[in-house]
Amino acid sequence: MSLHPAGDDREGDAEDGDRPEVPEGVLRGIEDIADGNTASKEDLESLLKY
């Protein structure tokens, strides 16, 4: 996915090194969501009622 409009004669982001790095925790979170490993609203509310 490019951060620039298509057809602007730029090289791809992967080639010019301008792609932002994604933190490892974000990648783990995406995998958890894909696997269905998420907390429910009730789980979160019970944690906040300490």
Protein backbone atom coordinates (compact mmCIF):
# COMPACT_ATOMS: atom_id res chain seq x y z
CA MET A 1 0.00 0.00 0.00
CA SER A 2 1.45 3.29 -1.02
CA LEU A 3 1.29 6.51 0.94
CA HIS A 4 1.37 8.45 -2.33
CA PRO A 5 -1.16 8.73 -5.17
CA ALA A 6 -0.69 6.30 -8.02
CA GLY A 7 0.83 7.61 -11.21
CA ASP A 8 3.07 10.25 -9.64
CA ASP A 9 6.24 8.69 -11.15
CA ARG A 10 7.62 7.79 -7.70
CA GLU A 11 9.33 4.51 -7.02
CA GLY A 12 7.48 2.15 -4.67
CA ASP A 13 7.70 2.88 -0.94
CA ALA A 14 9.49 -0.42 -0.29
CA GLU A 15 12.25 0.60 -2.65
CA ASP A 16 12.89 4.08 -1.31
CA GLY A 17 12.88 3.13 2.38
CA ASP A 18 10.13 5.59 3.38
CA ARG A 19 7.74 2.92 4.69
CA PRO A 20 6.93 3.38 8.38
CA GLU A 21 7.91 0.54 10.68
CA VAL A 22 5.07 -1.22 12.49
CA PRO A 23 5.72 -2.02 16.17
CA GLU A 24 5.77 -5.73 16.99
CA GLY A 25 2.95 -5.29 19.52
CA VAL A 26 0.66 -3.94 16.80
CA LEU A 27 1.38 -6.97 14.62
CA ARG A 28 0.63 -9.32 17.55
CA GLY A 29 -2.61 -7.43 18.17
CA ILE A 30 -3.66 -7.85 14.54
CA GLU A 31 -2.94 -11.59 14.77
CA ASP A 32 -4.93 -11.84 18.02
CA ILE A 33 -7.93 -10.14 16.43
CA ALA A 34 -7.71 -12.44 13.41
CA ASP A 35 -7.59 -15.47 15.74
CA GLY A 36 -10.52 -14.19 17.82
CA ASN A 37 -8.35 -13.70 20.93
CA THR A 38 -9.97 -10.50 22.18
CA ALA A 39 -11.55 -9.39 25.44
CA SER A 40 -15.28 -8.86 25.64
CA LYS A 41 -16.90 -5.68 26.90
CA GLU A 42 -17.78 -7.52 30.11
CA ASP A 43 -14.16 -8.65 30.60
CA LEU A 44 -12.93 -5.08 30.30
CA GLU A 45 -15.61 -3.69 32.60
CA SER A 46 -14.78 -6.25 35.28
CA LEU A 47 -11.10 -5.29 35.13
CA LEU A 48 -11.94 -1.61 35.50
CA LYS A 49 -14.10 -2.22 38.60
CA TYR A 50 -11.16 -3.08 40.87
